[in-house]
């Protein structure tokens, strides 16, 4: 609070925007007259990261499976199994294509 007074901001600062980290929340507790506005983007990023974690595991496993069938011997076995099961159209492996 003394820094705000030293810089003569006591009547000019009404709110401070910060992330949700514990150190920022603790620091803001020392400034009871100033409102803390938490980053919504930071909260959304945390939610999305935790939600996508199972999908990332699934994608990694799928990439390993696709890589396995890139070898000609395994690909021949896959094609033979599809033929034995009576697939009219052969299902082909699609590799990962990186896009922005």
N, C-alpha and C. Protein backbone atom coordinates (compact mmCIF):
# COMPACT_ATOMS: atom_id res chain seq x y z
N UNK A 1 0.83 -1.19 0.00
CA UNK A 1 0.00 0.00 0.00
C UNK A 1 0.88 1.26 0.00
N UNK A 2 2.04 1.17 0.62
CA UNK A 2 2.91 2.34 0.67
C UNK A 2 3.40 2.74 -0.72
N UNK A 3 3.61 1.79 -1.60
CA UNK A 3 4.04 2.12 -2.96
C UNK A 3 2.95 2.92 -3.67
N UNK A 4 1.71 2.50 -3.51
CA UNK A 4 0.59 3.23 -4.13
C UNK A 4 0.53 4.64 -3.58
N UNK A 5 0.74 4.80 -2.28
CA UNK A 5 0.75 6.14 -1.68
C UNK A 5 1.94 6.96 -2.15
N UNK A 6 3.14 6.33 -2.21
CA UNK A 6 4.35 7.05 -2.64
C UNK A 6 4.21 7.58 -4.07
N UNK A 7 3.56 6.85 -4.91
CA UNK A 7 3.39 7.25 -6.30
C UNK A 7 2.11 8.06 -6.50
N UNK A 8 1.40 8.29 -5.42
CA UNK A 8 0.17 9.09 -5.45
C UNK A 8 -0.91 8.46 -6.35
N UNK A 9 -1.05 7.14 -6.24
CA UNK A 9 -2.05 6.40 -7.02
C UNK A 9 -3.29 6.05 -6.21
N UNK A 10 -3.35 6.43 -4.94
CA UNK A 10 -4.44 5.97 -4.08
C UNK A 10 -5.83 6.33 -4.60
N UNK A 11 -5.98 7.39 -5.33
CA UNK A 11 -7.29 7.76 -5.87
C UNK A 11 -7.41 7.45 -7.36
N UNK A 12 -6.40 6.84 -7.92
CA UNK A 12 -6.39 6.56 -9.35
C UNK A 12 -6.53 5.08 -9.67
N UNK A 13 -6.03 4.20 -8.80
CA UNK A 13 -6.09 2.76 -9.03
C UNK A 13 -7.33 2.21 -8.34
N UNK A 14 -8.22 1.61 -9.13
CA UNK A 14 -9.43 1.01 -8.55
C UNK A 14 -9.44 -0.51 -8.69
N UNK A 15 -8.65 -1.03 -9.63
CA UNK A 15 -8.60 -2.47 -9.84
C UNK A 15 -7.26 -2.86 -10.46
N UNK A 16 -6.86 -4.10 -10.19
CA UNK A 16 -5.64 -4.65 -10.77
C UNK A 16 -5.99 -6.01 -11.36
N UNK A 17 -5.51 -6.24 -12.58
CA UNK A 17 -5.74 -7.52 -13.25
C UNK A 17 -4.51 -8.41 -13.02
N UNK A 18 -4.78 -9.66 -12.66
CA UNK A 18 -3.67 -10.59 -12.43
C UNK A 18 -4.11 -12.01 -12.76
N UNK A 19 -3.12 -12.91 -12.78
CA UNK A 19 -3.46 -14.32 -12.99
C UNK A 19 -3.95 -14.92 -11.68
N UNK A 20 -4.23 -16.22 -11.69
CA UNK A 20 -4.83 -16.88 -10.54
C UNK A 20 -3.81 -17.53 -9.61
N UNK A 21 -2.56 -17.18 -9.73
CA UNK A 21 -1.55 -17.81 -8.90
C UNK A 21 -1.68 -17.35 -7.45
N UNK A 22 -1.28 -18.24 -6.55
CA UNK A 22 -1.45 -17.97 -5.12
C UNK A 22 -0.67 -16.74 -4.66
N UNK A 23 0.51 -16.50 -5.25
CA UNK A 23 1.29 -15.34 -4.83
C UNK A 23 0.60 -14.02 -5.19
N UNK A 24 -0.08 -13.98 -6.35
CA UNK A 24 -0.80 -12.77 -6.73
C UNK A 24 -2.04 -12.56 -5.85
N UNK A 25 -2.73 -13.64 -5.55
CA UNK A 25 -3.90 -13.53 -4.68
C UNK A 25 -3.48 -13.06 -3.29
N UNK A 26 -2.36 -13.60 -2.78
CA UNK A 26 -1.84 -13.18 -1.47
C UNK A 26 -1.42 -11.72 -1.50
N UNK A 27 -0.73 -11.30 -2.56
CA UNK A 27 -0.30 -9.91 -2.67
C UNK A 27 -1.49 -8.96 -2.69
N UNK A 28 -2.54 -9.36 -3.37
CA UNK A 28 -3.73 -8.50 -3.45
C UNK A 28 -4.47 -8.43 -2.11
N UNK A 29 -4.26 -9.43 -1.25
CA UNK A 29 -4.91 -9.38 0.07
C UNK A 29 -4.36 -8.24 0.92
N UNK A 30 -3.16 -7.76 0.58
CA UNK A 30 -2.57 -6.62 1.29
C UNK A 30 -3.11 -5.28 0.79
N UNK A 31 -3.90 -5.31 -0.27
CA UNK A 31 -4.48 -4.09 -0.84
C UNK A 31 -6.01 -4.18 -0.79
N UNK A 32 -6.60 -4.07 0.39
CA UNK A 32 -8.05 -4.31 0.52
C UNK A 32 -8.93 -3.29 -0.21
N UNK A 33 -8.41 -2.11 -0.49
CA UNK A 33 -9.25 -1.11 -1.16
C UNK A 33 -9.24 -1.23 -2.68
N UNK A 34 -8.40 -2.13 -3.19
CA UNK A 34 -8.30 -2.31 -4.64
C UNK A 34 -8.91 -3.65 -5.03
N UNK A 35 -9.73 -3.63 -6.05
CA UNK A 35 -10.38 -4.84 -6.55
C UNK A 35 -9.42 -5.63 -7.42
N UNK A 36 -9.42 -6.95 -7.24
CA UNK A 36 -8.59 -7.81 -8.09
C UNK A 36 -9.48 -8.44 -9.15
N UNK A 37 -9.07 -8.30 -10.41
CA UNK A 37 -9.78 -8.91 -11.53
C UNK A 37 -8.90 -10.03 -12.06
N UNK A 38 -9.37 -11.27 -11.91
CA UNK A 38 -8.57 -12.42 -12.34
C UNK A 38 -8.69 -12.63 -13.84
N UNK A 39 -7.63 -13.12 -14.45
CA UNK A 39 -7.63 -13.42 -15.88
C UNK A 39 -8.62 -14.53 -16.19
N UNK A 40 -9.58 -14.24 -17.01
CA UNK A 40 -10.50 -15.27 -17.46
C UNK A 40 -9.78 -16.20 -18.43
N UNK A 41 -8.91 -15.65 -19.25
CA UNK A 41 -8.18 -16.46 -20.22
C UNK A 41 -7.32 -17.51 -19.53
N UNK A 42 -6.70 -17.14 -18.43
CA UNK A 42 -5.86 -18.08 -17.69
C UNK A 42 -6.70 -19.23 -17.14
N UNK A 43 -7.86 -18.91 -16.59
CA UNK A 43 -8.75 -19.94 -16.07
C UNK A 43 -9.22 -20.87 -17.19
N UNK A 44 -9.60 -20.30 -18.33
CA UNK A 44 -10.04 -21.11 -19.46
C UNK A 44 -8.91 -22.01 -19.96
N UNK A 45 -7.69 -21.49 -20.00
CA UNK A 45 -6.55 -22.28 -20.45
C UNK A 45 -6.33 -23.46 -19.52
N UNK A 46 -6.47 -23.27 -18.23
CA UNK A 46 -6.30 -24.37 -17.27
C UNK A 46 -7.39 -25.42 -17.46
N UNK A 47 -8.62 -24.98 -17.67
CA UNK A 47 -9.74 -25.91 -17.88
C UNK A 47 -9.52 -26.73 -19.15
N UNK A 48 -9.15 -26.06 -20.23
CA UNK A 48 -8.95 -26.74 -21.51
C UNK A 48 -7.79 -27.73 -21.43
N UNK A 49 -6.70 -27.35 -20.79
CA UNK A 49 -5.55 -28.25 -20.66
C UNK A 49 -5.91 -29.52 -19.91
N UNK A 50 -6.65 -29.36 -18.80
CA UNK A 50 -7.02 -30.53 -18.01
C UNK A 50 -8.05 -31.38 -18.74
N UNK A 51 -8.93 -30.76 -19.51
CA UNK A 51 -9.95 -31.49 -20.25
C UNK A 51 -9.36 -32.28 -21.41
N UNK A 52 -8.35 -31.72 -22.07
CA UNK A 52 -7.75 -32.37 -23.24
C UNK A 52 -6.74 -33.46 -22.90
N UNK A 53 -6.35 -33.58 -21.65
CA UNK A 53 -5.34 -34.57 -21.26
C UNK A 53 -5.70 -35.99 -21.72
N UNK A 54 -6.93 -36.48 -21.50
CA UNK A 54 -7.26 -37.83 -21.99
C UNK A 54 -7.21 -37.93 -23.52
N UNK A 55 -7.58 -36.87 -24.22
CA UNK A 55 -7.55 -36.89 -25.69
C UNK A 55 -6.11 -36.97 -26.19
N UNK A 56 -5.20 -36.32 -25.51
CA UNK A 56 -3.79 -36.35 -25.91
C UNK A 56 -3.24 -37.77 -25.78
N UNK A 57 -3.64 -38.48 -24.72
CA UNK A 57 -3.22 -39.87 -24.54
C UNK A 57 -3.76 -40.72 -25.68
N UNK A 58 -5.03 -40.53 -26.03
CA UNK A 58 -5.66 -41.29 -27.12
C UNK A 58 -4.96 -41.02 -28.45
N UNK A 59 -4.67 -39.76 -28.74
CA UNK A 59 -4.00 -39.39 -30.00
C UNK A 59 -2.61 -40.02 -30.06
N UNK A 60 -1.89 -40.03 -28.96
CA UNK A 60 -0.56 -40.64 -28.91
C UNK A 60 -0.64 -42.13 -29.20
N UNK A 61 -1.62 -42.79 -28.61
CA UNK A 61 -1.79 -44.23 -28.85
C UNK A 61 -2.17 -44.49 -30.31
N UNK A 62 -3.03 -43.65 -30.89
CA UNK A 62 -3.42 -43.81 -32.29
C UNK A 62 -2.22 -43.62 -33.21
N UNK A 63 -1.36 -42.66 -32.90
CA UNK A 63 -0.16 -42.43 -33.72
C UNK A 63 0.77 -43.63 -33.67
N UNK A 64 0.89 -44.26 -32.50
CA UNK A 64 1.73 -45.46 -32.38
C UNK A 64 1.16 -46.59 -33.21
N UNK A 65 -0.15 -46.75 -33.20
CA UNK A 65 -0.80 -47.79 -33.99
C UNK A 65 -0.61 -47.54 -35.49
N UNK A 66 -0.76 -46.30 -35.90
CA UNK A 66 -0.56 -45.96 -37.31
C UNK A 66 0.89 -46.22 -37.72
N UNK A 67 1.82 -45.86 -36.85
CA UNK A 67 3.23 -46.10 -37.16
C UNK A 67 3.51 -47.59 -37.29
N UNK A 68 2.85 -48.41 -36.46
CA UNK A 68 3.03 -49.86 -36.53
C UNK A 68 2.64 -50.38 -37.91
N UNK A 69 1.54 -49.86 -38.47
CA UNK A 69 1.06 -50.34 -39.76
C UNK A 69 1.78 -49.70 -40.95
N UNK A 70 2.76 -48.86 -40.71
CA UNK A 70 3.55 -48.28 -41.80
C UNK A 70 4.56 -49.28 -42.35
N UNK A 71 4.90 -50.29 -41.55
CA UNK A 71 5.82 -51.33 -42.02
C UNK A 71 5.08 -52.26 -42.98
N UNK A 72 5.73 -52.61 -44.06
CA UNK A 72 5.07 -53.35 -45.14
C UNK A 72 4.49 -54.69 -44.67
N UNK A 73 5.18 -55.39 -43.79
CA UNK A 73 4.70 -56.69 -43.33
C UNK A 73 3.38 -56.55 -42.56
N UNK A 74 3.30 -55.56 -41.67
CA UNK A 74 2.07 -55.34 -40.91
C UNK A 74 0.95 -54.84 -41.82
N UNK A 75 1.31 -54.00 -42.78
CA UNK A 75 0.32 -53.48 -43.72
C UNK A 75 -0.27 -54.62 -44.56
N UNK A 76 0.59 -55.56 -44.98
CA UNK A 76 0.11 -56.72 -45.73
C UNK A 76 -0.86 -57.55 -44.89
N UNK A 77 -0.54 -57.72 -43.61
CA UNK A 77 -1.44 -58.46 -42.70
C UNK A 77 -2.77 -57.74 -42.56
N UNK A 78 -2.74 -56.43 -42.41
CA UNK A 78 -3.97 -55.64 -42.29
C UNK A 78 -4.82 -55.78 -43.55
N UNK A 79 -4.19 -55.70 -44.70
CA UNK A 79 -4.93 -55.84 -45.95
C UNK A 79 -5.52 -57.24 -46.09
N UNK A 80 -4.78 -58.26 -45.68
CA UNK A 80 -5.28 -59.65 -45.76
C UNK A 80 -6.47 -59.84 -44.82
N UNK A 81 -6.40 -59.28 -43.63
CA UNK A 81 -7.52 -59.39 -42.67
C UNK A 81 -8.75 -58.68 -43.23
N UNK A 82 -8.57 -57.52 -43.82
CA UNK A 82 -9.70 -56.79 -44.40
C UNK A 82 -10.33 -57.61 -45.52
N UNK A 83 -9.49 -58.25 -46.32
CA UNK A 83 -9.99 -59.07 -47.42
C UNK A 83 -10.77 -60.27 -46.88
N UNK A 84 -10.24 -60.94 -45.84
CA UNK A 84 -10.91 -62.08 -45.23
C UNK A 84 -12.24 -61.69 -44.58
N UNK A 85 -12.32 -60.45 -44.05
CA UNK A 85 -13.55 -59.98 -43.43
C UNK A 85 -14.58 -59.51 -44.45
N UNK A 86 -14.18 -59.45 -45.71
CA UNK A 86 -15.10 -59.08 -46.78
C UNK A 86 -15.29 -57.59 -46.97
N UNK A 87 -14.29 -56.81 -46.61
CA UNK A 87 -14.38 -55.37 -46.85
C UNK A 87 -14.43 -55.12 -48.35
N UNK A 88 -15.40 -54.33 -48.79
CA UNK A 88 -15.48 -54.01 -50.21
C UNK A 88 -14.39 -53.02 -50.60
N UNK A 89 -14.19 -52.03 -49.74
CA UNK A 89 -13.14 -51.03 -49.98
C UNK A 89 -12.08 -51.19 -48.90
N UNK A 90 -10.86 -51.25 -49.32
CA UNK A 90 -9.76 -51.41 -48.37
C UNK A 90 -9.61 -50.13 -47.55
N UNK A 91 -9.53 -50.30 -46.23
CA UNK A 91 -9.32 -49.16 -45.33
C UNK A 91 -7.83 -48.88 -45.28
N UNK A 92 -7.45 -47.65 -45.56
CA UNK A 92 -6.04 -47.29 -45.59
C UNK A 92 -5.68 -46.46 -44.36
N UNK A 93 -4.43 -46.50 -44.03
CA UNK A 93 -3.90 -45.74 -42.90
C UNK A 93 -3.70 -44.29 -43.32
N UNK A 94 -4.15 -43.37 -42.49
CA UNK A 94 -3.94 -41.94 -42.72
C UNK A 94 -2.95 -41.44 -41.69
N UNK A 95 -1.84 -40.94 -42.16
CA UNK A 95 -0.83 -40.42 -41.25
C UNK A 95 -1.24 -39.05 -40.72
N UNK A 96 -0.62 -38.67 -39.62
CA UNK A 96 -0.86 -37.37 -39.02
C UNK A 96 -0.39 -36.28 -39.96
N UNK A 97 -1.23 -35.30 -40.19
CA UNK A 97 -0.89 -34.17 -41.04
C UNK A 97 -0.90 -32.92 -40.17
N UNK A 98 0.25 -32.33 -39.98
CA UNK A 98 0.36 -31.15 -39.13
C UNK A 98 -0.19 -29.92 -39.83
N UNK A 99 -1.08 -29.21 -39.18
CA UNK A 99 -1.58 -27.93 -39.68
C UNK A 99 -1.41 -26.89 -38.58
N UNK A 100 -1.48 -25.66 -38.96
CA UNK A 100 -1.33 -24.59 -37.95
C UNK A 100 -2.44 -24.58 -37.00
